[in-house]
Amino acid sequence: MIAVDTNLLVYAHRRESRVGETAHALLTALAEGDRVWAIPWPCCYEFLSVVTNRRIWKENASTPTQAWRQFHAWSESPSNSMIGETRDFVGVLRRFVQRAHVVSGVVHDARIAAICVAHGVETLFTRDRDFSLFPEIRTRDPLARK
């Protein structure tokens, strides 16, 4: 199973960047494909927070309705599995947050990595290099130029 991090969700929804159209095509292919893919719940909340943030997007921020419609479309994909904390999550998370350099905002990434590991995610699609602190989860930047 592939999981998708917040940054790819944001790029796919907010297509202003040079990778926006590529991210949109990637998410469309996942949503319309047969292969099981996932969005960790913390990424959903972060996506909704980021794309509606007027400090980031000024007057062009997505409205709550626009952001919700996009999230809902992804969550309703028949091949999507929304993943969150599991019954044994505390033990999984403990292994991640007690590492050196896992402080401040990286704790959020540790939570996402732990959710992915708990659900057997094979690869996390992300552009965030902080996930290299968690070798238990393979990461890939699907938007990187080759």
N, C-alpha and C. Protein backbone atom coordinates (compact mmCIF):
# COMPACT_ATOMS: atom_id res chain seq x y z
N MET A 1 0.85 -1.18 0.00
CA MET A 1 0.00 0.00 0.00
C MET A 1 0.89 1.24 0.00
N ILE A 2 0.47 2.24 -0.73
CA ILE A 2 1.13 3.55 -0.77
C ILE A 2 0.32 4.50 0.11
N ALA A 3 1.01 5.32 0.88
CA ALA A 3 0.35 6.38 1.63
C ALA A 3 0.83 7.72 1.08
N VAL A 4 0.01 8.74 1.23
CA VAL A 4 0.31 10.06 0.68
C VAL A 4 0.39 11.07 1.82
N ASP A 5 1.49 11.80 1.84
CA ASP A 5 1.74 12.83 2.86
C ASP A 5 1.03 14.14 2.48
N THR A 6 0.90 15.00 3.45
CA THR A 6 0.20 16.27 3.29
C THR A 6 0.72 17.10 2.13
N ASN A 7 2.04 17.19 1.98
CA ASN A 7 2.58 18.10 0.97
C ASN A 7 2.09 17.75 -0.43
N LEU A 8 1.94 16.46 -0.73
CA LEU A 8 1.44 16.07 -2.05
C LEU A 8 -0.04 16.40 -2.20
N LEU A 9 -0.79 16.26 -1.12
CA LEU A 9 -2.20 16.63 -1.15
C LEU A 9 -2.34 18.13 -1.42
N VAL A 10 -1.53 18.93 -0.77
CA VAL A 10 -1.58 20.38 -0.96
C VAL A 10 -1.22 20.74 -2.40
N TYR A 11 -0.12 20.18 -2.91
CA TYR A 11 0.27 20.47 -4.30
C TYR A 11 -0.81 20.04 -5.29
N ALA A 12 -1.45 18.91 -5.03
CA ALA A 12 -2.49 18.42 -5.94
C ALA A 12 -3.72 19.32 -5.95
N HIS A 13 -4.02 19.91 -4.81
CA HIS A 13 -5.18 20.80 -4.69
C HIS A 13 -4.84 22.22 -5.14
N ARG A 14 -3.68 22.71 -4.70
CA ARG A 14 -3.23 24.07 -5.02
C ARG A 14 -2.19 23.93 -6.12
N ARG A 15 -2.57 24.08 -7.35
CA ARG A 15 -1.71 23.74 -8.47
C ARG A 15 -0.82 24.89 -8.95
N GLU A 16 -0.62 25.90 -8.11
CA GLU A 16 0.17 27.06 -8.52
C GLU A 16 1.65 26.75 -8.71
N SER A 17 2.15 25.78 -7.99
CA SER A 17 3.59 25.50 -8.04
C SER A 17 3.95 24.74 -9.32
N ARG A 18 5.24 24.63 -9.59
CA ARG A 18 5.70 23.93 -10.80
C ARG A 18 5.39 22.44 -10.74
N VAL A 19 5.11 21.89 -9.56
CA VAL A 19 4.79 20.47 -9.44
C VAL A 19 3.30 20.21 -9.24
N GLY A 20 2.52 21.27 -9.25
CA GLY A 20 1.09 21.14 -8.97
C GLY A 20 0.35 20.23 -9.93
N GLU A 21 0.56 20.41 -11.21
CA GLU A 21 -0.15 19.57 -12.20
C GLU A 21 0.29 18.12 -12.10
N THR A 22 1.57 17.89 -11.85
CA THR A 22 2.08 16.53 -11.69
C THR A 22 1.47 15.87 -10.46
N ALA A 23 1.41 16.62 -9.37
CA ALA A 23 0.80 16.10 -8.13
C ALA A 23 -0.67 15.79 -8.35
N HIS A 24 -1.36 16.68 -9.05
CA HIS A 24 -2.78 16.46 -9.34
C HIS A 24 -2.97 15.18 -10.17
N ALA A 25 -2.14 15.00 -11.17
CA ALA A 25 -2.22 13.79 -12.01
C ALA A 25 -1.95 12.53 -11.18
N LEU A 26 -0.99 12.61 -10.28
CA LEU A 26 -0.66 11.48 -9.41
C LEU A 26 -1.85 11.11 -8.52
N LEU A 27 -2.43 12.10 -7.85
CA LEU A 27 -3.56 11.82 -6.96
C LEU A 27 -4.78 11.34 -7.74
N THR A 28 -4.97 11.86 -8.92
CA THR A 28 -6.07 11.40 -9.77
C THR A 28 -5.86 9.93 -10.14
N ALA A 29 -4.64 9.58 -10.52
CA ALA A 29 -4.35 8.19 -10.87
C ALA A 29 -4.56 7.26 -9.69
N LEU A 30 -4.14 7.68 -8.50
CA LEU A 30 -4.36 6.86 -7.31
C LEU A 30 -5.86 6.71 -7.04
N ALA A 31 -6.57 7.83 -7.06
CA ALA A 31 -8.00 7.81 -6.72
C ALA A 31 -8.82 7.00 -7.72
N GLU A 32 -8.40 7.00 -8.97
CA GLU A 32 -9.16 6.29 -10.00
C GLU A 32 -8.62 4.89 -10.28
N GLY A 33 -7.51 4.55 -9.63
CA GLY A 33 -6.89 3.25 -9.87
C GLY A 33 -7.44 2.16 -8.97
N ASP A 34 -6.92 0.94 -9.19
CA ASP A 34 -7.35 -0.23 -8.42
C ASP A 34 -6.43 -0.53 -7.25
N ARG A 35 -5.22 0.02 -7.25
CA ARG A 35 -4.27 -0.27 -6.18
C ARG A 35 -4.68 0.46 -4.91
N VAL A 36 -4.64 -0.27 -3.79
CA VAL A 36 -5.01 0.34 -2.51
C VAL A 36 -3.97 1.39 -2.13
N TRP A 37 -4.46 2.55 -1.74
CA TRP A 37 -3.60 3.63 -1.27
C TRP A 37 -4.24 4.22 -0.03
N ALA A 38 -3.50 5.05 0.67
CA ALA A 38 -3.99 5.55 1.95
C ALA A 38 -3.61 7.01 2.17
N ILE A 39 -4.42 7.64 2.97
CA ILE A 39 -4.09 8.96 3.51
C ILE A 39 -4.16 8.82 5.03
N PRO A 40 -3.06 9.09 5.73
CA PRO A 40 -3.11 9.09 7.19
C PRO A 40 -4.01 10.24 7.68
N TRP A 41 -4.84 9.97 8.67
CA TRP A 41 -5.75 10.99 9.18
C TRP A 41 -5.06 12.30 9.56
N PRO A 42 -3.88 12.28 10.21
CA PRO A 42 -3.25 13.57 10.53
C PRO A 42 -2.96 14.41 9.28
N CYS A 43 -2.70 13.76 8.16
CA CYS A 43 -2.46 14.49 6.91
C CYS A 43 -3.74 15.16 6.41
N CYS A 44 -4.87 14.56 6.68
CA CYS A 44 -6.15 15.17 6.30
C CYS A 44 -6.36 16.47 7.04
N TYR A 45 -6.15 16.43 8.35
CA TYR A 45 -6.34 17.64 9.15
C TYR A 45 -5.36 18.72 8.73
N GLU A 46 -4.12 18.30 8.50
CA GLU A 46 -3.09 19.27 8.11
C GLU A 46 -3.42 19.86 6.74
N PHE A 47 -3.86 19.02 5.80
CA PHE A 47 -4.26 19.50 4.48
C PHE A 47 -5.34 20.58 4.61
N LEU A 48 -6.41 20.29 5.36
CA LEU A 48 -7.50 21.26 5.52
C LEU A 48 -7.00 22.55 6.16
N SER A 49 -6.09 22.43 7.10
CA SER A 49 -5.54 23.60 7.77
C SER A 49 -4.68 24.44 6.84
N VAL A 50 -3.82 23.78 6.06
CA VAL A 50 -2.88 24.50 5.19
C VAL A 50 -3.59 25.21 4.05
N VAL A 51 -4.45 24.51 3.34
CA VAL A 51 -5.03 25.11 2.12
C VAL A 51 -6.04 26.21 2.43
N THR A 52 -6.54 26.27 3.65
CA THR A 52 -7.47 27.35 4.02
C THR A 52 -6.78 28.47 4.80
N ASN A 53 -5.47 28.38 4.96
CA ASN A 53 -4.71 29.34 5.76
C ASN A 53 -4.44 30.62 4.96
N ARG A 54 -5.05 31.72 5.38
CA ARG A 54 -4.89 32.99 4.67
C ARG A 54 -3.50 33.60 4.85
N ARG A 55 -2.79 33.20 5.89
CA ARG A 55 -1.42 33.69 6.05
C ARG A 55 -0.50 33.11 4.98
N ILE A 56 -0.83 31.93 4.49
CA ILE A 56 -0.04 31.30 3.43
C ILE A 56 -0.50 31.77 2.05
N TRP A 57 -1.80 31.74 1.82
CA TRP A 57 -2.35 31.95 0.47
C TRP A 57 -2.95 33.34 0.28
N LYS A 58 -2.93 34.17 1.33
CA LYS A 58 -3.51 35.51 1.28
C LYS A 58 -4.99 35.42 0.88
N GLU A 59 -5.40 36.26 -0.07
CA GLU A 59 -6.82 36.26 -0.47
C GLU A 59 -7.17 35.06 -1.36
N ASN A 60 -6.18 34.27 -1.77
CA ASN A 60 -6.44 33.11 -2.63
C ASN A 60 -6.55 31.80 -1.87
N ALA A 61 -6.67 31.85 -0.56
CA ALA A 61 -6.82 30.62 0.22
C ALA A 61 -8.07 29.88 -0.23
N SER A 62 -8.01 28.58 -0.17
CA SER A 62 -9.19 27.77 -0.48
C SER A 62 -10.24 28.03 0.59
N THR A 63 -11.49 28.04 0.20
CA THR A 63 -12.55 28.16 1.20
C THR A 63 -12.69 26.81 1.91
N PRO A 64 -13.27 26.81 3.09
CA PRO A 64 -13.51 25.53 3.75
C PRO A 64 -14.31 24.56 2.88
N THR A 65 -15.26 25.08 2.13
CA THR A 65 -16.07 24.22 1.25
C THR A 65 -15.21 23.62 0.14
N GLN A 66 -14.36 24.43 -0.49
CA GLN A 66 -13.48 23.91 -1.54
C GLN A 66 -12.53 22.84 -0.99
N ALA A 67 -11.94 23.12 0.16
CA ALA A 67 -11.02 22.17 0.77
C ALA A 67 -11.74 20.87 1.13
N TRP A 68 -12.93 21.00 1.70
CA TRP A 68 -13.69 19.80 2.08
C TRP A 68 -14.07 18.99 0.85
N ARG A 69 -14.50 19.64 -0.21
CA ARG A 69 -14.87 18.91 -1.43
C ARG A 69 -13.69 18.08 -1.95
N GLN A 70 -12.50 18.68 -1.94
CA GLN A 70 -11.34 17.96 -2.42
C GLN A 70 -11.01 16.78 -1.51
N PHE A 71 -10.98 17.03 -0.21
CA PHE A 71 -10.72 15.94 0.74
C PHE A 71 -11.75 14.83 0.59
N HIS A 72 -13.01 15.21 0.50
CA HIS A 72 -14.08 14.22 0.38
C HIS A 72 -13.93 13.39 -0.89
N ALA A 73 -13.55 14.00 -1.99
CA ALA A 73 -13.36 13.26 -3.24
C ALA A 73 -12.28 12.20 -3.06
N TRP A 74 -11.16 12.56 -2.42
CA TRP A 74 -10.10 11.57 -2.19
C TRP A 74 -10.57 10.49 -1.23
N SER A 75 -11.23 10.88 -0.16
CA SER A 75 -11.64 9.90 0.85
C SER A 75 -12.68 8.93 0.32
N GLU A 76 -13.45 9.34 -0.67
CA GLU A 76 -14.49 8.49 -1.25
C GLU A 76 -13.97 7.58 -2.36
N SER A 77 -12.70 7.70 -2.71
CA SER A 77 -12.13 6.82 -3.73
C SER A 77 -12.27 5.37 -3.26
N PRO A 78 -12.80 4.49 -4.11
CA PRO A 78 -12.98 3.09 -3.70
C PRO A 78 -11.68 2.39 -3.31
N SER A 79 -10.55 2.87 -3.82
CA SER A 79 -9.27 2.23 -3.51
C SER A 79 -8.55 2.89 -2.33
N ASN A 80 -9.14 3.94 -1.76
CA ASN A 80 -8.51 4.66 -0.65
C ASN A 80 -8.86 4.03 0.68
N SER A 81 -7.87 3.99 1.55
CA SER A 81 -8.05 3.54 2.92
C SER A 81 -7.55 4.65 3.84
N MET A 82 -8.44 5.25 4.58
CA MET A 82 -8.05 6.28 5.53
C MET A 82 -7.47 5.58 6.76
N ILE A 83 -6.23 5.92 7.13
CA ILE A 83 -5.56 5.19 8.22
C ILE A 83 -5.25 6.10 9.40
N GLY A 84 -5.36 5.51 10.58
CA GLY A 84 -5.10 6.27 11.81
C GLY A 84 -4.46 5.39 12.86
N GLU A 85 -4.49 5.86 14.07
CA GLU A 85 -3.89 5.14 15.18
C GLU A 85 -4.56 3.78 15.36
N THR A 86 -3.75 2.79 15.68
CA THR A 86 -4.23 1.43 15.90
C THR A 86 -4.28 1.15 17.39
N ARG A 87 -4.78 -0.01 17.74
CA ARG A 87 -4.90 -0.41 19.15
C ARG A 87 -3.54 -0.42 19.87
N ASP A 88 -2.49 -0.86 19.17
CA ASP A 88 -1.16 -0.94 19.77
C ASP A 88 -0.29 0.27 19.40
N PHE A 89 -0.92 1.37 19.05
CA PHE A 89 -0.20 2.53 18.53
C PHE A 89 0.80 3.14 19.51
N VAL A 90 0.49 3.14 20.77
CA VAL A 90 1.39 3.77 21.76
C VAL A 90 2.79 3.15 21.68
N GLY A 91 2.86 1.84 21.58
CA GLY A 91 4.16 1.18 21.48
C GLY A 91 4.89 1.51 20.20
N VAL A 92 4.16 1.60 19.10
CA VAL A 92 4.78 1.94 17.82
C VAL A 92 5.28 3.38 17.86
N LEU A 93 4.45 4.29 18.33
CA LEU A 93 4.84 5.70 18.40
C LEU A 93 6.04 5.91 19.31
N ARG A 94 6.06 5.20 20.45
CA ARG A 94 7.18 5.35 21.40
C ARG A 94 8.52 5.12 20.72
N ARG A 95 8.60 4.10 19.86
CA ARG A 95 9.85 3.79 19.17
C ARG A 95 10.31 4.95 18.28
N PHE A 96 9.35 5.73 17.79
CA PHE A 96 9.68 6.82 16.88
C PHE A 96 10.01 8.13 17.60
N VAL A 97 9.27 8.45 18.65
CA VAL A 97 9.44 9.77 19.27
C VAL A 97 10.58 9.84 20.27
N GLN A 98 11.14 8.70 20.65
CA GLN A 98 12.25 8.73 21.60
C GLN A 98 13.61 8.81 20.93
N ARG A 99 13.65 9.10 19.66
CA ARG A 99 14.90 9.21 18.92
C ARG A 99 15.44 10.64 18.99
N ALA A 100 16.75 10.73 18.85
CA ALA A 100 17.37 12.06 18.75
C ALA A 100 16.79 12.76 17.53
N HIS A 101 16.67 14.04 17.59
CA HIS A 101 16.18 14.90 16.51
C HIS A 101 14.67 14.83 16.29
N VAL A 102 13.96 14.00 17.04
CA VAL A 102 12.50 13.96 16.91
C VAL A 102 11.93 14.88 17.98
N VAL A 103 11.90 16.16 17.63
CA VAL A 103 11.41 17.21 18.51
C VAL A 103 10.56 18.17 17.68
N SER A 104 9.79 18.97 18.36
CA SER A 104 9.00 20.03 17.73
C SER A 104 8.13 19.48 16.60
N GLY A 105 8.20 20.07 15.42
CA GLY A 105 7.35 19.67 14.31
C GLY A 105 7.62 18.27 13.79
N VAL A 106 8.80 17.74 14.07
CA VAL A 106 9.13 16.39 13.61
C VAL A 106 8.31 15.34 14.36
N VAL A 107 7.78 15.69 15.53
CA VAL A 107 6.91 14.77 16.25
C VAL A 107 5.67 14.44 15.40
N HIS A 108 5.16 15.43 14.69
CA HIS A 108 4.03 15.22 13.78
C HIS A 108 4.41 14.20 12.70
N ASP A 109 5.61 14.33 12.14
CA ASP A 109 6.08 13.37 11.14
C ASP A 109 6.25 11.98 11.74
N ALA A 110 6.71 11.91 12.99
CA ALA A 110 6.85 10.62 13.68
C ALA A 110 5.48 9.95 13.80
N ARG A 111 4.48 10.73 14.09
CA ARG A 111 3.11 10.18 14.20
C ARG A 111 2.65 9.61 12.86
N ILE A 112 2.89 10.33 11.78
CA ILE A 112 2.51 9.85 10.45
C ILE A 112 3.29 8.58 10.11
N ALA A 113 4.59 8.59 10.35
CA ALA A 113 5.41 7.40 10.07
C ALA A 113 4.94 6.20 10.89
N ALA A 114 4.62 6.42 12.15
CA ALA A 114 4.16 5.33 13.01
C ALA A 114 2.81 4.78 12.53
N ILE A 115 1.92 5.65 12.10
CA ILE A 115 0.63 5.19 11.56
C ILE A 115 0.88 4.33 10.32
N CYS A 116 1.77 4.78 9.46
CA CYS A 116 2.06 4.03 8.24
C CYS A 116 2.65 2.65 8.58
N VAL A 117 3.59 2.60 9.50
CA VAL A 117 4.19 1.32 9.89
C VAL A 117 3.13 0.42 10.51
N ALA A 118 2.29 0.97 11.36
CA ALA A 118 1.25 0.18 12.02
C ALA A 118 0.27 -0.44 11.02
N HIS A 119 0.12 0.19 9.87
CA HIS A 119 -0.81 -0.30 8.85
C HIS A 119 -0.11 -1.06 7.71
N GLY A 120 1.19 -1.25 7.83
CA GLY A 120 1.90 -2.01 6.81
C GLY A 120 2.08 -1.28 5.49
N VAL A 121 2.13 0.05 5.53
CA VAL A 121 2.35 0.83 4.32
C VAL A 121 3.73 0.48 3.76
N GLU A 122 3.78 0.25 2.46
CA GLU A 122 5.04 -0.09 1.80
C GLU A 122 5.88 1.15 1.53
N THR A 123 5.23 2.20 1.03
CA THR A 123 5.94 3.43 0.66
C THR A 123 5.09 4.64 0.99
N LEU A 124 5.72 5.64 1.59
CA LEU A 124 5.07 6.92 1.84
C LEU A 124 5.53 7.89 0.76
N PHE A 125 4.59 8.40 -0.03
CA PHE A 125 4.91 9.43 -1.01
C PHE A 125 4.96 10.76 -0.27
N THR A 126 6.12 11.41 -0.30
CA THR A 126 6.31 12.67 0.41
C THR A 126 7.45 13.45 -0.22
N ARG A 127 7.47 14.73 0.04
CA ARG A 127 8.60 15.58 -0.35
C ARG A 127 9.38 16.02 0.90
N ASP A 128 8.99 15.52 2.05
CA ASP A 128 9.55 15.91 3.34
C ASP A 128 10.73 15.01 3.70
N ARG A 129 11.90 15.58 3.80
CA ARG A 129 13.11 14.80 4.10
C ARG A 129 13.21 14.37 5.55
N ASP A 130 12.39 14.94 6.44
CA ASP A 130 12.44 14.54 7.84
C ASP A 130 12.06 13.07 8.03
N PHE A 131 11.35 12.51 7.09
CA PHE A 131 10.98 11.09 7.22
C PHE A 131 12.19 10.16 7.11
N SER A 132 13.33 10.69 6.70
CA SER A 132 14.54 9.86 6.67
C SER A 132 14.96 9.45 8.09
N LEU A 133 14.42 10.11 9.09
CA LEU A 133 14.70 9.73 10.48
C LEU A 133 14.01 8.42 10.86
N PHE A 134 13.14 7.94 9.99
CA PHE A 134 12.36 6.74 10.28
C PHE A 134 12.58 5.69 9.19
N PRO A 135 13.70 4.97 9.27
CA PRO A 135 14.02 4.00 8.20
C PRO A 135 13.04 2.83 8.12
N GLU A 136 12.17 2.69 9.09
CA GLU A 136 11.17 1.62 9.06
C GLU A 136 10.16 1.82 7.92
N ILE A 137 10.03 3.05 7.45
CA ILE A 137 9.10 3.35 6.37
C ILE A 137 9.89 3.87 5.17
N ARG A 138 9.69 3.22 4.05
CA ARG A 138 10.35 3.66 2.81
C ARG A 138 9.60 4.89 2.30
N THR A 139 10.34 5.88 1.86
CA THR A 139 9.73 7.09 1.32
C THR A 139 10.17 7.28 -0.13
N ARG A 140 9.36 8.01 -0.85
CA ARG A 140 9.69 8.33 -2.24
C ARG A 140 9.07 9.66 -2.58
N ASP A 141 9.83 10.49 -3.28
CA ASP A 141 9.29 11.75 -3.79
C ASP A 141 8.88 11.49 -5.23
N PRO A 142 7.59 11.28 -5.48
CA PRO A 142 7.15 10.95 -6.83
C PRO A 142 7.17 12.15 -7.78
N LEU A 143 7.48 13.34 -7.24
CA LEU A 143 7.51 14.55 -8.07
C LEU A 143 8.93 14.98 -8.40
N ALA A 144 9.92 14.25 -7.88
CA ALA A 144 11.32 14.60 -8.11
C ALA A 144 11.66 14.41 -9.58
N ARG A 145 12.43 15.33 -10.09
CA ARG A 145 12.90 15.20 -11.47
C ARG A 145 13.95 14.13 -11.53
N LYS A 146 13.83 13.30 -12.52
CA LYS A 146 14.77 12.18 -12.63
C LYS A 146 15.89 12.48 -13.58
